[in-house]
């Protein structure tokens, strides 16, 4: 059974187009990340590691083979799950994953960036933030997508609470996670690191991490950018099925 973790500003329904292609049986578990549902105010999760712990209880209820897929922020949280509980899972697909920052200066810089984004959410509101977020160079390849698909993506983003997304940045931002490079190098299960070919930063990360572990493969998807889930759902679905076959075999 698959456990799917969406990215920042995403939602469980962000996986719908992938699932249309994949036709997974049994249906996957798709929890909302911290700050991405209407009950975020009642959550007592206060750190990246506590969110990992919360999701372990979700994953543990899945039947085997137990497989994990995450995109961007969800991939980072997924890597935390693999690092802390490697025996729980039988395989994983991590899309646009960052293994964590190694330098304290870089960590401080990213924490300041995310704090500024969280402040923008709280002070200027969701619509202003989403408009600026969609203009980031990371998502430049989205300009080639249909207006229908972009509208669907925007609808998902605007369905959130500004305070919830700010809370997600506070707790699950890149600066708040450990450096999991050593943990990834020691994994003994099949892991695919997927990235879009136009996303040079994360393509490079995927290739570098794959070189450090024979169980880890890098798969680059042609002509797409960072959000492979949105831009190439059939490619993601194909990799889900491939990993599932390997786990069952």
Protein backbone atom coordinates (compact mmCIF):
# COMPACT_ATOMS: atom_id res chain seq x y z
CA UNK A 1 0.00 0.00 0.00
CA UNK A 2 1.26 3.46 -0.92
CA UNK A 3 1.45 6.44 1.42
CA UNK A 4 1.52 9.69 -0.59
CA UNK A 5 2.75 13.01 0.84
CA UNK A 6 1.96 16.23 -1.04
CA UNK A 7 4.12 19.34 -1.26
CA UNK A 8 3.86 22.82 0.27
CA UNK A 9 0.54 24.50 -0.69
CA UNK A 10 -0.64 21.13 -2.01
CA UNK A 11 -3.31 18.79 -0.69
CA UNK A 12 -4.29 15.12 -0.88
CA UNK A 13 -6.17 15.90 -4.11
CA UNK A 14 -2.92 17.08 -5.69
CA UNK A 15 -2.35 13.37 -6.43
CA UNK A 16 -5.63 12.86 -8.31
CA UNK A 17 -4.16 12.96 -11.84
CA UNK A 18 -1.37 10.58 -10.83
CA UNK A 19 -3.92 8.20 -9.35
CA UNK A 20 -6.03 8.35 -12.52
CA UNK A 21 -3.02 6.91 -14.36
CA UNK A 22 -1.76 4.54 -11.66
CA UNK A 23 -5.03 2.80 -10.66
CA UNK A 24 -3.48 1.64 -7.38
CA UNK A 25 -5.05 -1.27 -5.54
CA UNK A 26 -5.49 -0.97 -2.63
CA UNK A 27 -6.09 2.79 -2.68
CA UNK A 28 -3.25 4.76 -1.08
CA UNK A 29 -3.23 6.59 2.22
CA UNK A 30 -2.92 10.35 1.54
CA UNK A 31 -2.63 12.38 4.75
CA UNK A 32 -2.52 16.18 4.77
CA UNK A 33 0.74 17.64 6.02
CA UNK A 34 0.81 19.95 9.03
CA UNK A 35 -0.88 23.27 8.25
CA UNK A 36 -2.67 21.93 5.18
CA UNK A 37 -6.05 21.00 6.62
CA UNK A 38 -8.76 22.89 8.48
CA UNK A 39 -7.80 21.37 11.82
CA UNK A 40 -4.24 22.69 11.86
CA UNK A 41 -4.87 24.94 14.87
CA UNK A 42 -5.58 21.94 17.08
CA UNK A 43 -2.34 20.14 16.17
CA UNK A 44 0.30 19.88 18.88
CA UNK A 45 3.08 19.14 16.34
CA UNK A 46 5.82 21.66 17.02
CA UNK A 47 8.84 20.34 15.12
CA UNK A 48 9.84 18.57 11.94
CA UNK A 49 10.62 15.41 13.90
CA UNK A 50 7.22 15.47 15.60
CA UNK A 51 5.54 15.60 12.20
CA UNK A 52 7.61 12.56 11.20
CA UNK A 53 6.43 10.80 14.35
CA UNK A 54 2.80 11.68 13.61
CA UNK A 55 3.04 10.25 10.12
CA UNK A 56 4.73 7.05 11.34
CA UNK A 57 1.47 6.18 13.06
CA UNK A 58 -0.38 6.75 9.77
CA UNK A 59 2.10 4.67 7.76
CA UNK A 60 2.11 1.84 10.28
CA UNK A 61 -1.55 1.16 9.55
CA UNK A 62 -0.82 0.42 5.87
CA UNK A 63 -0.67 -3.14 4.65
CA UNK A 64 2.54 -4.52 3.16
CA UNK A 65 4.32 -4.05 0.93
CA UNK A 66 4.41 -0.59 2.45
CA UNK A 67 5.59 2.06 0.00
CA UNK A 68 6.21 5.78 0.39
CA UNK A 69 6.02 8.61 -2.12
CA UNK A 70 6.51 12.30 -1.40
CA UNK A 71 6.87 15.47 -3.45
CA UNK A 72 9.07 18.44 -2.40
CA UNK A 73 8.15 19.24 1.24
CA UNK A 74 6.41 15.87 1.35
CA UNK A 75 9.55 14.21 -0.01
CA UNK A 76 11.62 15.82 2.76
CA UNK A 77 9.19 14.61 5.41
CA UNK A 78 9.21 11.22 3.68
CA UNK A 79 12.99 11.13 3.87
CA UNK A 80 12.69 11.78 7.59
CA UNK A 81 10.41 8.74 7.84
CA UNK A 82 12.88 6.58 5.93
CA UNK A 83 15.81 7.83 7.99
CA UNK A 84 14.21 7.23 11.36
CA UNK A 85 12.16 4.13 10.56
CA UNK A 86 13.85 2.35 7.63
CA UNK A 87 12.32 -1.05 8.43
CA UNK A 88 8.75 0.20 8.14
CA UNK A 89 8.95 0.67 4.37
CA UNK A 90 9.65 -1.64 1.43
CA UNK A 91 10.39 1.04 -1.16
CA UNK A 92 10.09 4.76 -1.83
CA UNK A 93 9.74 7.36 -4.56
CA UNK A 94 10.94 10.84 -3.57
CA UNK A 95 10.24 13.64 -6.05
CA UNK A 96 12.22 16.88 -5.86
CA UNK A 97 13.77 15.94 -2.53
CA UNK A 98 16.39 17.91 -0.62
CA UNK A 99 18.35 15.84 1.94
CA UNK A 100 18.92 18.76 4.31
CA UNK A 101 21.35 21.64 4.71
CA UNK A 102 24.91 20.97 5.81
CA UNK A 103 26.10 24.50 6.62
CA UNK A 104 24.78 26.59 9.51
CA UNK A 105 25.04 29.75 7.43
CA UNK A 106 22.81 28.22 4.75
CA UNK A 107 20.41 27.03 7.46
CA UNK A 108 20.18 30.53 8.95
CA UNK A 109 19.62 32.07 5.51
CA UNK A 110 16.84 29.64 4.65
CA UNK A 111 15.20 30.09 8.05
CA UNK A 112 15.10 33.83 7.44
CA UNK A 113 13.61 33.31 3.98
CA UNK A 114 10.87 31.05 5.28
CA UNK A 115 10.17 33.41 8.18
CA UNK A 116 9.69 36.21 5.65
CA UNK A 117 7.31 34.04 3.64
CA UNK A 118 5.36 33.10 6.76
CA UNK A 119 5.12 36.78 7.72
CA UNK A 120 3.82 37.60 4.24
CA UNK A 121 1.13 34.95 4.62
CA UNK A 122 0.05 36.29 8.00
CA UNK A 123 0.18 39.99 7.07
CA UNK A 124 -0.72 40.14 3.36
CA UNK A 125 -2.98 37.12 3.08
CA UNK A 126 -3.20 33.97 1.04
CA UNK A 127 -4.00 35.34 -2.42
CA UNK A 128 -1.06 37.76 -2.46
CA UNK A 129 1.30 35.05 -1.25
CA UNK A 130 0.09 32.50 -3.81
CA UNK A 131 0.50 35.02 -6.62
CA UNK A 132 4.13 35.61 -5.60
CA UNK A 133 4.76 31.88 -5.02
CA UNK A 134 3.61 30.99 -8.52
CA UNK A 135 6.11 33.47 -9.99
CA UNK A 136 9.15 31.81 -8.40
CA UNK A 137 11.76 30.67 -10.96
CA UNK A 138 11.33 27.15 -9.56
CA UNK A 139 7.96 26.99 -11.33
CA UNK A 140 8.90 28.71 -14.60
CA UNK A 141 8.04 25.57 -16.58
CA UNK A 142 4.39 25.92 -15.53
CA UNK A 143 3.97 28.61 -18.18
CA UNK A 144 3.71 25.81 -20.74
CA UNK A 145 0.77 24.15 -18.95
CA UNK A 146 -2.88 24.56 -19.87
CA UNK A 147 -4.96 27.24 -18.19
CA UNK A 148 -7.28 24.51 -16.93
CA UNK A 149 -4.45 22.73 -15.13
CA UNK A 150 -3.06 25.96 -13.68
CA UNK A 151 -6.52 26.95 -12.45
CA UNK A 152 -6.89 23.57 -10.76
CA UNK A 153 -3.53 24.03 -9.05
CA UNK A 154 -4.40 27.54 -7.93
CA UNK A 155 -7.73 26.36 -6.54
CA UNK A 156 -5.91 23.84 -4.34
CA UNK A 157 -3.56 26.54 -3.05
CA UNK A 158 -6.29 29.06 -2.34
CA UNK A 159 -8.34 26.51 -0.41
CA UNK A 160 -5.85 26.69 2.47
CA UNK A 161 -5.67 29.01 5.47
CA UNK A 162 -2.87 31.56 5.36
CA UNK A 163 -2.07 30.83 9.01
CA UNK A 164 -1.87 27.11 8.33
CA UNK A 165 0.64 27.51 5.51
CA UNK A 166 2.67 29.91 7.66
CA UNK A 167 2.70 27.28 10.39
CA UNK A 168 3.93 24.69 7.87
CA UNK A 169 6.84 26.96 6.97
CA UNK A 170 7.65 27.52 10.63
CA UNK A 171 7.78 23.80 11.42
CA UNK A 172 8.53 21.97 8.16
CA UNK A 173 10.79 24.44 6.38
CA UNK A 174 14.07 23.18 4.94
CA UNK A 175 16.05 24.78 7.77
CA UNK A 176 14.07 22.81 10.37
CA UNK A 177 15.01 19.32 9.12
CA UNK A 178 18.19 17.41 9.85
CA UNK A 179 20.81 16.66 7.24
CA UNK A 180 19.74 13.16 6.16
CA UNK A 181 22.52 12.45 3.65
CA UNK A 182 24.20 9.80 5.81
CA UNK A 183 20.85 8.12 6.49
CA UNK A 184 20.04 7.98 2.79
CA UNK A 185 23.44 6.50 2.00
CA UNK A 186 22.69 3.62 4.38
CA UNK A 187 19.17 2.72 3.17
CA UNK A 188 18.71 -0.92 2.17
CA UNK A 189 15.40 -0.63 0.31
CA UNK A 190 14.83 0.42 -3.33
CA UNK A 191 14.49 4.20 -3.56
CA UNK A 192 13.90 6.23 -6.70
CA UNK A 193 14.74 9.94 -6.68
CA UNK A 194 12.73 11.66 -9.39
CA UNK A 195 13.25 15.18 -10.74
CA UNK A 196 12.33 17.14 -13.83
CA UNK A 197 15.07 17.59 -16.40
CA UNK A 198 14.50 21.37 -16.41
CA UNK A 199 14.99 21.48 -12.64
CA UNK A 200 18.77 21.58 -12.62
CA UNK A 201 19.18 21.98 -8.86
CA UNK A 202 17.10 18.96 -7.86
CA UNK A 203 18.25 16.87 -10.81
CA UNK A 204 21.79 17.39 -9.55
CA UNK A 205 20.82 16.47 -6.01
CA UNK A 206 19.14 13.27 -7.21
CA UNK A 207 22.15 12.19 -9.25
CA UNK A 208 24.58 12.96 -6.42
CA UNK A 209 22.56 11.00 -3.84
CA UNK A 210 22.17 8.04 -6.21
CA UNK A 211 25.94 7.78 -6.57
CA UNK A 212 26.26 7.19 -2.82
CA UNK A 213 23.97 4.14 -2.54
CA UNK A 214 23.45 1.22 -4.94
CA UNK A 215 19.84 0.92 -3.72
CA UNK A 216 19.07 4.48 -4.83
CA UNK A 217 18.30 5.39 -8.46
CA UNK A 218 17.93 8.82 -10.03
CA UNK A 219 15.20 9.17 -12.65
CA UNK A 220 14.96 12.41 -14.62
CA UNK A 221 11.70 13.19 -16.42
CA UNK A 222 12.20 15.04 -19.68
CA UNK A 223 10.82 18.49 -20.48
CA UNK A 224 9.36 19.24 -17.05
CA UNK A 225 10.42 21.31 -14.05
CA UNK A 226 10.19 20.92 -10.30
CA UNK A 227 6.56 19.87 -9.92
CA UNK A 228 6.66 16.53 -11.71
CA UNK A 229 3.41 15.49 -9.99
CA UNK A 230 1.58 18.29 -11.79
CA UNK A 231 3.51 18.32 -15.06
CA UNK A 232 4.03 14.60 -15.72
CA UNK A 233 1.52 12.55 -13.71
CA UNK A 234 1.81 9.55 -16.06
CA UNK A 235 5.56 9.34 -15.41
CA UNK A 236 4.99 9.41 -11.66
CA UNK A 237 2.28 6.75 -11.97
CA UNK A 238 4.59 4.53 -14.01
CA UNK A 239 7.27 4.72 -11.33
CA UNK A 240 4.75 3.94 -8.60
CA UNK A 241 3.72 0.79 -10.43
CA UNK A 242 7.33 -0.17 -11.12
CA UNK A 243 8.37 0.15 -7.48
CA UNK A 244 5.28 -1.74 -6.37
CA UNK A 245 6.15 -4.62 -8.69
CA UNK A 246 9.71 -4.70 -7.34
CA UNK A 247 8.46 -4.71 -3.76
CA UNK A 248 6.00 -7.52 -4.43
CA UNK A 249 8.54 -9.55 -6.40
